[in-house]
Amino acid sequence: MNFDDTPQEAEFRATARAWIAANAPKQYEEELRKSSLGRTVLRNANILEVAKAWQKKKADAGWACLHWPKEYGGRGSSPIERVIWQQEEGPFGQLSRMFIIGHGMCGPTMMAFAREEHKRTYLPPLASGEKVWCQLFSEPAGGSDVAGLRTRAEKDGDDWIVNGQKIWTSGAHYSDYGILLTRTDPTVPKHKGLTMFFLDMKSPGVEVRPIKQASGASDFNEVYFTNVRIPDHQRLGEVGDGWNVSLTTLMNERSAIGAAVSTGFPELFEYCASLMLDDGPAIEDRAVRSKLANWAVKASGLKYTSMRAISALSRGERPGPENSIGKLVAGSMIQDVATYALDLQGASGVVSGEEAELAGRFQAMLLRAPGTRVEGGTDEIMRNIIAERVLGLPGDIRVDKDVPFNKIPTKGRG
């Protein structure tokens, strides 16, 4: 690829840069610039409210969800213009992470499978940040094996009655809507009896319970459904075709997560450049330099793998399984980087919070890193996808592939 801007792209970049300079919430710039995985907070403001205000300002000026069609709240821009915007938005892009699931996963699924009237009703406020969406897939008995889910949806006239539980749902506690994958036919193999819906998270019978994480935060949730009524017109795709619908969500999810996950390398490099060890500056230590060089190569590889995916998008292609590479590499890398940073800190690395060195940046990063390796598919799932769909290797043996779901043995059945 040629990474130089074309004249049109250069003009777009200049326009975007000028608008951001004139409108960005500069009072939060320093805090956002110092934020990292597991540690994006504002001392004197509610980050969700700040994020919504910034997203609404962007939407009003035509800078929200740039690649979405204009009629759905976007700008109709090219994938390359979207990348240029992200580059120019800089630290203020951290605020967009509050909407990554809605913009990166729910929105594309709605565009592909919702009724036209629903697209025009629900997508513009999603793009503007006025409404936040979540994704309801994982369950206690079906995380990586999404098709093993047990949440049931049963037809009742023109509605569906939903009962069950979801877990590890990011942002459910502040979401207005969600997309929900359910089982509508347990008598067929597990991939064939699924149906997807979207629903109002304030519907009667929906209960959200935040999960306390090791870091003290509560980004994830359990969500319970008790006789929740969903109209049939809120179904996404055909009855029983939920697996195919979910593939659109999952491919976009891995693309969004893979593109958004920080590697921690820039933060570590900056830290090493200022750190003094017993025998001199850390940046001059051969062992430290060897580690940094290894991670610099990986970070560069991730950058250009992402560019390759962007190039495919610019040709109108759907996100493919190769997006799993970015998530797999970045997820493990940030955990290794954070661990090494704490090793360099020595005994002070056990202290967390504001009293810790660099206000606990690497401590928070390490505590959040395992979640990154699980959300959107575990490392093992990513390796299987890469092996089977990218490299063309034989698939795993799946003994339950053609067995009706209600005939699959479980510990709960005698």
Protein backbone atom coordinates (compact mmCIF):
# COMPACT_ATOMS: atom_id res chain seq x y z
CA MET A 1 0.00 0.00 0.00
CA ASN A 2 0.98 3.62 -0.51
CA PHE A 3 0.57 5.33 2.86
CA ASP A 4 0.89 8.87 1.55
CA ASP A 5 -2.32 10.91 1.44
CA THR A 6 -3.84 11.56 -1.94
CA PRO A 7 -4.76 15.22 -2.56
CA GLN A 8 -8.36 14.44 -1.59
CA GLU A 9 -7.25 12.64 1.58
CA ALA A 10 -4.91 15.49 2.50
CA GLU A 11 -7.79 17.94 2.15
CA PHE A 12 -10.00 15.72 4.31
CA ARG A 13 -7.25 15.47 6.94
CA ALA A 14 -6.82 19.24 7.07
CA THR A 15 -10.57 19.78 7.44
CA ALA A 16 -10.84 17.17 10.20
CA ARG A 17 -7.80 18.54 12.04
CA ALA A 18 -9.19 22.09 11.97
CA TRP A 19 -12.61 21.01 13.25
CA ILE A 20 -11.13 18.93 16.07
CA ALA A 21 -8.83 21.80 17.10
CA ALA A 22 -11.82 24.12 17.32
CA ASN A 23 -14.30 21.80 19.02
CA ALA A 24 -12.58 19.08 21.08
CA PRO A 25 -13.02 19.14 24.90
CA LYS A 26 -9.46 20.34 25.54
CA GLN A 27 -9.97 20.46 29.32
CA TYR A 28 -9.77 16.65 29.37
CA GLU A 29 -6.92 16.24 26.88
CA GLU A 30 -4.13 15.63 29.37
CA GLU A 31 -6.06 12.99 31.31
CA LEU A 32 -7.14 11.24 28.12
CA ARG A 33 -3.60 11.27 26.79
CA LYS A 34 -2.39 9.51 29.94
CA SER A 35 -5.19 6.93 29.88
CA SER A 36 -4.52 3.31 28.98
CA LEU A 37 -6.24 -0.06 28.98
CA GLY A 38 -8.11 -0.53 32.27
CA ARG A 39 -7.54 3.07 33.28
CA THR A 40 -9.63 5.60 31.39
CA VAL A 41 -11.10 7.90 34.03
CA LEU A 42 -11.68 11.60 34.50
CA ARG A 43 -11.10 13.05 37.96
CA ASN A 44 -13.83 15.67 38.02
CA ALA A 45 -16.31 14.48 35.40
CA ASN A 46 -18.46 11.49 34.48
CA ILE A 47 -16.68 9.96 31.49
CA LEU A 48 -19.92 8.62 29.99
CA GLU A 49 -21.49 12.08 30.04
CA VAL A 50 -18.36 13.64 28.52
CA ALA A 51 -18.24 10.92 25.85
CA LYS A 52 -21.90 11.44 24.97
CA ALA A 53 -21.46 15.20 24.69
CA TRP A 54 -18.42 14.83 22.41
CA GLN A 55 -20.15 12.20 20.26
CA LYS A 56 -23.26 14.39 19.90
CA LYS A 57 -21.15 17.38 18.89
CA LYS A 58 -19.44 15.23 16.26
CA ALA A 59 -22.78 13.94 15.01
CA ASP A 60 -24.28 17.41 14.71
CA ALA A 61 -21.33 18.42 12.52
CA GLY A 62 -21.36 15.22 10.45
CA TRP A 63 -18.30 13.58 12.02
CA ALA A 64 -19.94 10.59 13.74
CA CYS A 65 -19.60 7.03 12.41
CA LEU A 66 -18.00 8.39 9.27
CA HIS A 67 -18.29 5.18 7.22
CA TRP A 68 -22.02 4.75 7.90
CA PRO A 69 -24.53 5.95 5.28
CA LYS A 70 -25.82 9.48 5.85
CA GLU A 71 -29.41 8.31 6.28
CA TYR A 72 -28.33 6.24 9.28
CA GLY A 73 -26.41 9.02 11.02
CA GLY A 74 -23.04 8.67 9.28
CA ARG A 75 -21.10 10.69 6.75
CA GLY A 76 -20.78 8.19 3.90
CA SER A 77 -17.00 8.42 4.05
CA SER A 78 -14.50 5.89 2.76
CA PRO A 79 -12.72 3.48 5.15
CA ILE A 80 -9.49 5.43 4.59
CA GLU A 81 -11.15 8.69 5.64
CA ARG A 82 -12.33 6.93 8.77
CA VAL A 83 -8.74 5.97 9.58
CA ILE A 84 -7.57 9.53 8.95
CA TRP A 85 -10.21 10.81 11.36
CA GLN A 86 -9.09 8.34 14.05
CA GLN A 87 -5.49 9.47 13.59
CA GLU A 88 -6.43 13.13 13.93
CA GLU A 89 -8.84 12.64 16.84
CA GLY A 90 -5.89 11.39 18.91
CA PRO A 91 -6.52 11.19 22.68
CA PHE A 92 -10.14 12.32 22.28
CA GLY A 93 -10.75 9.01 20.52
CA GLN A 94 -10.56 7.41 23.98
CA LEU A 95 -14.07 8.77 24.54
CA SER A 96 -15.33 6.73 21.58
CA ARG A 97 -14.49 3.51 23.44
CA MET A 98 -17.76 3.96 25.34
CA PHE A 99 -19.56 3.25 22.04
CA ILE A 100 -17.26 0.62 20.51
CA ILE A 101 -19.82 -2.19 20.85
CA GLY A 102 -22.70 -0.16 19.45
CA HIS A 103 -20.75 1.42 16.60
CA GLY A 104 -18.49 -1.53 15.81
CA MET A 105 -20.81 -4.51 16.29
CA CYS A 106 -24.49 -3.73 16.88
CA GLY A 107 -24.73 -1.02 14.21
CA PRO A 108 -23.33 -3.16 11.36
CA THR A 109 -25.61 -6.04 12.38
CA MET A 110 -28.66 -3.77 12.40
CA MET A 111 -27.69 -2.38 8.99
CA ALA A 112 -27.44 -5.88 7.56
CA PHE A 113 -30.57 -7.46 9.05
CA ALA A 114 -33.01 -4.95 10.59
CA ARG A 115 -36.10 -3.63 8.85
CA GLU A 116 -35.62 -0.33 7.04
CA GLU A 117 -37.89 1.58 9.41
CA HIS A 118 -35.88 0.28 12.36
CA LYS A 119 -32.60 1.29 10.76
CA ARG A 120 -33.83 4.85 10.30
CA THR A 121 -35.25 4.98 13.84
CA TYR A 122 -32.49 3.38 15.89
CA LEU A 123 -29.22 3.93 14.02
CA PRO A 124 -29.00 7.77 14.05
CA PRO A 125 -29.26 8.05 17.88
CA LEU A 126 -26.78 5.17 18.13
CA ALA A 127 -24.35 7.05 15.87
CA SER A 128 -24.77 10.28 17.86
CA GLY A 129 -24.16 8.61 21.21
CA GLU A 130 -27.59 9.52 22.52
CA LYS A 131 -28.36 5.82 22.87
CA VAL A 132 -25.82 3.19 23.94
CA TRP A 133 -26.02 -0.46 22.82
CA CYS A 134 -24.60 -3.71 24.17
CA GLN A 135 -24.18 -7.24 22.82
CA LEU A 136 -25.82 -10.16 24.67
CA PHE A 137 -24.09 -13.38 23.55
CA SER A 138 -21.98 -15.13 26.22
CA GLU A 139 -23.58 -17.32 28.88
CA PRO A 140 -22.31 -19.25 31.91
CA ALA A 141 -22.54 -22.49 29.89
CA GLY A 142 -21.70 -20.99 26.49
CA GLY A 143 -18.90 -18.42 26.34
CA SER A 144 -16.38 -19.33 23.68
CA ASP A 145 -18.90 -21.87 22.38
CA VAL A 146 -21.51 -19.24 21.51
CA ALA A 147 -23.75 -21.85 19.85
CA GLY A 148 -24.02 -23.65 23.18
CA LEU A 149 -26.23 -20.91 24.61
CA ARG A 150 -29.40 -21.82 26.55
CA THR A 151 -31.40 -18.58 26.72
CA ARG A 152 -34.78 -19.55 25.26
CA ALA A 153 -37.16 -17.52 23.11
CA GLU A 154 -40.63 -19.01 22.61
CA LYS A 155 -43.22 -17.64 20.22
CA ASP A 156 -46.39 -16.19 21.74
CA GLY A 157 -48.62 -14.65 19.09
CA ASP A 158 -46.74 -11.72 17.54
CA ASP A 159 -44.20 -11.69 20.37
CA TRP A 160 -41.39 -13.84 21.72
CA ILE A 161 -41.01 -14.64 25.43
CA VAL A 162 -37.36 -14.77 26.53
CA ASN A 163 -35.96 -16.49 29.62
CA GLY A 164 -32.33 -17.07 30.50
CA GLN A 165 -29.06 -15.45 31.51
CA LYS A 166 -26.13 -13.72 29.81
CA ILE A 167 -22.77 -12.93 31.37
CA TRP A 168 -19.69 -10.75 30.71
CA THR A 169 -21.88 -8.20 28.92
CA SER A 170 -19.77 -5.06 28.57
CA GLY A 171 -21.59 -1.81 29.34
CA ALA A 172 -24.99 -3.39 29.97
CA HIS A 173 -25.41 -1.27 33.11
CA TYR A 174 -25.52 1.94 31.06
CA SER A 175 -26.94 0.60 27.78
CA ASP A 176 -30.29 1.56 26.33
CA TYR A 177 -30.59 -1.26 23.79
CA GLY A 178 -28.91 -4.56 22.99
CA ILE A 179 -28.75 -7.30 20.41
CA LEU A 180 -29.67 -10.69 21.85
CA LEU A 181 -28.91 -14.20 20.58
CA THR A 182 -31.40 -16.85 21.74
CA ARG A 183 -32.32 -20.48 21.17
CA THR A 184 -35.68 -20.87 19.47
CA ASP A 185 -35.49 -24.57 18.49
CA PRO A 186 -33.66 -27.05 20.76
CA THR A 187 -34.58 -30.04 18.56
CA VAL A 188 -32.03 -29.26 15.82
CA PRO A 189 -28.19 -29.11 15.98
CA LYS A 190 -27.00 -26.21 18.11
CA HIS A 191 -25.92 -23.90 15.27
CA LYS A 192 -29.29 -24.21 13.51
CA GLY A 193 -31.76 -23.39 16.25
CA LEU A 194 -30.68 -19.82 17.05
CA THR A 195 -32.50 -16.53 16.40
CA MET A 196 -31.33 -12.97 17.05
CA PHE A 197 -33.35 -9.98 18.25
CA PHE A 198 -32.75 -6.43 19.42
CA LEU A 199 -34.47 -5.19 22.56
CA ASP A 200 -34.89 -2.26 24.92
CA MET A 201 -32.69 -2.90 27.97
CA LYS A 202 -35.33 -1.22 30.12
CA SER A 203 -37.94 -3.83 29.16
CA PRO A 204 -39.85 -5.45 32.05
CA GLY A 205 -38.05 -8.62 33.17
CA VAL A 206 -34.51 -7.47 32.29
CA GLU A 207 -32.20 -7.36 35.29
CA VAL A 208 -28.59 -6.17 35.06
CA ARG A 209 -26.05 -7.06 37.76
CA PRO A 210 -22.56 -5.51 37.50
CA ILE A 211 -19.59 -7.84 38.13
CA LYS A 212 -16.84 -6.56 40.43
CA GLN A 213 -13.44 -7.02 38.77
CA ALA A 214 -10.01 -7.49 40.33
CA SER A 215 -9.21 -3.87 39.43
CA GLY A 216 -12.21 -2.63 41.42
CA ALA A 217 -14.06 -1.57 38.27
CA SER A 218 -17.34 -3.05 37.01
CA ASP A 219 -17.20 -2.97 33.21
CA PHE A 220 -18.93 -6.34 32.78
CA ASN A 221 -22.34 -7.55 33.83
CA GLU A 222 -24.66 -10.47 34.32
CA VAL A 223 -28.02 -9.95 32.60
CA TYR A 224 -31.10 -11.98 33.54
CA PHE A 225 -34.25 -12.34 31.42
CA THR A 226 -37.50 -13.34 33.09
CA ASN A 227 -40.49 -13.58 30.72
CA VAL A 228 -39.17 -10.66 28.66
CA ARG A 229 -41.51 -9.91 25.78
CA ILE A 230 -39.94 -8.94 22.42
CA PRO A 231 -42.08 -8.14 19.35
CA ASP A 232 -41.39 -10.32 16.32
CA HIS A 233 -40.65 -7.21 14.22
CA GLN A 234 -37.50 -6.78 16.33
CA ARG A 235 -36.13 -10.05 15.02
CA LEU A 236 -32.86 -9.77 13.06
CA GLY A 237 -32.80 -12.24 10.19
CA GLU A 238 -34.92 -15.34 9.79
CA VAL A 239 -36.05 -17.64 12.59
CA GLY A 240 -33.36 -20.27 13.07
CA ASP A 241 -30.74 -18.27 11.15
CA GLY A 242 -29.25 -16.55 14.18
CA TRP A 243 -25.88 -18.20 13.75
CA ASN A 244 -25.35 -16.63 10.34
CA VAL A 245 -26.53 -13.28 11.68
CA SER A 246 -24.15 -13.59 14.62
CA LEU A 247 -21.19 -14.15 12.29
CA THR A 248 -21.64 -10.59 11.03
CA THR A 249 -21.50 -9.37 14.63
CA LEU A 250 -18.54 -11.56 15.56
CA MET A 251 -16.43 -10.62 12.55
CA ASN A 252 -17.06 -6.93 13.21
CA GLU A 253 -16.44 -7.50 16.94
CA ARG A 254 -12.99 -8.98 16.35
CA SER A 255 -12.22 -6.26 13.86
CA ALA A 256 -13.30 -3.53 16.30
CA ILE A 257 -11.57 -5.06 19.33
CA GLY A 258 -8.43 -5.93 17.39
CA ALA A 259 -8.18 -2.38 16.05
CA ALA A 260 -8.92 -0.76 19.40
CA VAL A 261 -6.79 -2.87 21.74
CA SER A 262 -3.70 -1.06 22.95
CA THR A 263 -0.47 -3.03 23.01
CA GLY A 264 0.99 -1.02 25.87
CA PHE A 265 4.24 -0.61 23.91
CA PRO A 266 4.20 3.21 23.55
CA GLU A 267 3.61 3.56 27.29
CA LEU A 268 6.41 1.11 28.10
CA PHE A 269 8.86 2.81 25.74
CA GLU A 270 8.12 6.20 27.29
CA TYR A 271 8.57 4.72 30.76
CA CYS A 272 11.90 3.07 29.90
CA ALA A 273 13.18 6.30 28.34
CA SER A 274 12.87 8.06 31.71
CA LEU A 275 13.56 5.18 34.12
CA MET A 276 16.92 4.96 35.94
CA LEU A 277 18.16 1.51 36.93
CA ASP A 278 21.01 0.78 39.35
CA ASP A 279 23.55 0.75 36.51
CA GLY A 280 22.16 3.59 34.40
CA PRO A 281 19.17 4.53 32.19
CA ALA A 282 16.84 1.62 31.41
CA ILE A 283 16.77 2.54 27.73
CA GLU A 284 20.53 1.83 27.55
CA ASP A 285 20.32 -1.59 29.19
CA ARG A 286 20.88 -4.40 26.66
CA ALA A 287 18.21 -6.67 28.14
CA VAL A 288 15.64 -3.88 28.18
CA ARG A 289 16.49 -2.86 24.62
CA SER A 290 16.11 -6.47 23.45
CA LYS A 291 12.62 -6.66 24.96
CA LEU A 292 11.64 -3.30 23.48
CA ALA A 293 12.92 -4.29 20.03
CA ASN A 294 10.87 -7.50 20.08
CA TRP A 295 7.68 -5.65 21.01
CA ALA A 296 8.40 -2.88 18.50
CA VAL A 297 8.43 -5.48 15.72
CA LYS A 298 5.13 -6.94 16.93
CA ALA A 299 3.53 -3.49 17.19
CA SER A 300 4.64 -2.70 13.65
CA GLY A 301 3.25 -6.01 12.40
CA LEU A 302 -0.10 -5.27 14.03
CA LYS A 303 -0.18 -1.83 12.44
CA TYR A 304 0.31 -3.16 8.92
CA THR A 305 -2.01 -6.13 9.42
CA SER A 306 -4.66 -3.59 10.38
CA MET A 307 -3.84 -1.56 7.26
CA ARG A 308 -4.32 -4.69 5.17
CA ALA A 309 -7.79 -5.15 6.65
CA ILE A 310 -8.57 -1.48 5.97
CA SER A 311 -7.50 -1.95 2.38
CA ALA A 312 -9.91 -4.87 2.07
CA LEU A 313 -12.71 -2.73 3.50
CA SER A 314 -11.95 -0.02 0.97
CA ARG A 315 -12.64 -2.60 -1.73
CA GLY A 316 -16.07 -3.27 -0.22
CA GLU A 317 -15.15 -6.64 1.32
CA ARG A 318 -16.63 -7.91 4.59
CA PRO A 319 -14.32 -8.20 7.63
CA GLY A 320 -12.73 -11.62 7.44
CA PRO A 321 -11.16 -14.14 9.84
CA GLU A 322 -7.75 -12.50 9.46
CA ASN A 323 -8.96 -9.86 11.92
CA SER A 324 -8.50 -12.49 14.63
CA ILE A 325 -4.72 -12.05 14.25
CA GLY A 326 -4.73 -8.52 15.66
CA LYS A 327 -6.78 -9.45 18.70
CA LEU A 328 -4.73 -12.58 19.42
CA VAL A 329 -1.36 -10.82 19.24
CA ALA A 330 -2.37 -7.57 20.96
CA GLY A 331 -4.20 -9.32 23.81
CA SER A 332 -1.21 -11.39 24.92
CA MET A 333 1.28 -8.62 24.17
CA ILE A 334 -0.31 -6.08 26.49
CA GLN A 335 -0.29 -8.61 29.32
CA ASP A 336 3.42 -9.33 28.75
CA VAL A 337 4.25 -5.61 28.47
CA ALA A 338 2.42 -4.76 31.71
CA THR A 339 4.10 -7.65 33.55
CA TYR A 340 7.54 -6.50 32.40
CA ALA A 341 6.83 -2.90 33.40
CA LEU A 342 5.96 -4.07 36.92
CA ASP A 343 9.14 -6.15 37.01
CA LEU A 344 11.10 -2.98 36.24
CA GLN A 345 9.31 -1.16 39.05
CA GLY A 346 10.45 -3.77 41.55
CA ALA A 347 8.82 -3.74 44.98
CA SER A 348 6.85 -0.58 44.14
CA GLY A 349 5.01 -2.57 41.48
CA VAL A 350 2.79 -4.16 44.15
CA VAL A 351 1.22 -0.77 44.93
CA SER A 352 -1.81 0.20 42.86
CA GLY A 353 -4.05 3.21 42.57
CA GLU A 354 -3.12 6.87 42.58
CA GLU A 355 -0.30 6.29 45.10
CA ALA A 356 1.49 3.90 42.72
CA GLU A 357 4.24 4.83 40.27
CA LEU A 358 2.69 6.52 37.19
CA ALA A 359 -0.59 6.45 39.14
CA GLY A 360 -0.88 2.70 38.65
CA ARG A 361 -0.99 2.77 34.85
CA PHE A 362 0.67 -0.62 34.36
CA GLN A 363 -1.07 -2.19 37.37
CA ALA A 364 -4.46 -1.33 35.87
CA MET A 365 -3.27 -2.54 32.47
CA LEU A 366 -2.24 -5.92 33.89
CA LEU A 367 -5.49 -6.41 35.79
CA ARG A 368 -7.56 -5.61 32.67
CA ALA A 369 -5.46 -7.63 30.22
CA PRO A 370 -7.02 -11.07 30.89
CA GLY A 371 -10.43 -9.68 29.97
CA THR A 372 -9.03 -8.57 26.63
CA ARG A 373 -7.88 -12.11 25.93
CA VAL A 374 -11.37 -13.47 26.63
CA GLU A 375 -13.79 -10.89 25.18
CA GLY A 376 -14.63 -11.34 21.53
CA GLY A 377 -13.32 -14.92 21.64
CA THR A 378 -10.55 -16.50 23.69
CA ASP A 379 -7.00 -16.98 22.44
CA GLU A 380 -7.83 -20.63 21.72
CA ILE A 381 -10.84 -19.66 19.60
CA MET A 382 -8.74 -17.10 17.72
CA ARG A 383 -6.09 -19.73 16.97
CA ASN A 384 -8.72 -22.15 15.70
CA ILE A 385 -10.19 -19.47 13.42
CA ILE A 386 -6.77 -18.56 12.03
CA ALA A 387 -5.83 -22.21 11.56
CA GLU A 388 -9.05 -23.26 9.84
CA ARG A 389 -10.19 -20.17 7.94
CA VAL A 390 -6.91 -18.42 7.13
CA LEU A 391 -4.42 -21.27 6.84
CA GLY A 392 -6.89 -23.91 5.66
CA LEU A 393 -5.86 -26.52 8.24
CA PRO A 394 -8.24 -29.36 9.21
CA GLY A 395 -10.87 -28.39 11.73
CA ASP A 396 -11.20 -29.68 15.27
CA ILE A 397 -13.28 -32.81 15.77
CA ARG A 398 -16.74 -31.66 16.91
CA VAL A 399 -18.67 -34.66 18.16
CA ASP A 400 -21.82 -32.60 18.82
CA LYS A 401 -21.94 -30.94 15.40
CA ASP A 402 -24.95 -32.85 14.01
CA VAL A 403 -26.60 -33.78 17.32
CA PRO A 404 -29.90 -32.08 18.27
CA PHE A 405 -29.17 -29.57 21.00
CA ASN A 406 -31.56 -31.18 23.48
CA LYS A 407 -29.77 -34.53 23.01
CA ILE A 408 -26.30 -33.22 23.88
CA PRO A 409 -25.31 -34.67 27.29
CA THR A 410 -24.68 -32.14 30.06
CA LYS A 411 -23.77 -32.45 33.73
CA GLY A 412 -27.24 -31.31 34.68
CA ARG A 413 -28.94 -34.25 32.98
CA GLY A 414 -29.15 -37.65 34.50
